[in-house]
Amino acid sequence: MKKIYCLGLIICIVLVSGYFILEMSDKVDVGFPIDSEEEAIEIASGTEEVKEFLKLYPDADLFSYSLVNGVWTFVYRKSENHTIESLWIAVNETSSETISSAPKLEFLKNRTYCELDEQCMCLEVCVNYISNPKTEFHDVRKCSQNNDCKCINNTCTSINEITN
């Protein structure tokens, strides 16, 4: 009886594994393969993440890129010495699809977006860590120091609002 149970369990594992392999292969081969460094850079430059990052930091540039195990990785930076004002983006070599970015697109599109308190800072107002300090802020609550800012409902919020 134990042998039959083990055999049935092995068959289920093989079937489930095969299903996930088929699912993943469908997702990987959706786009078109990247044929050159130039094409990879062009694809990365056209992603929504890079476009939003360059809106925040128009003087940023492609700092480095590499291809490892079928994944192109690109780093855009404001300058060589500014690692906080950076965007890391990974693009699948086979499908040319964006796999991930750091920071996530939400942080780039919404200067008050957060997931943790540590991602909020006070630049006269509470914003996320990727916000450009040279940007004018009219629609955000004022703060006096970093510990005034907390992440509440995915929004950097001043817990001690200052009125002017």
Foldseek 3Di string as FASTA:
>chain_A
DVVVVVVVVVVVVVVVVVVVVVVVVCVQQAAAADDDPVSLVVLVCPDLQNVLLCVQQVQKDFDDWDADPQKIWTKIASDPPDPLSIKIWIAGRNHRHTPAMVPGSVCSVAQFFDDWLVQWWALQFIGGSNGRSVDDDDPGFGDDGSVQWTQDPRGTHGVDGDDD
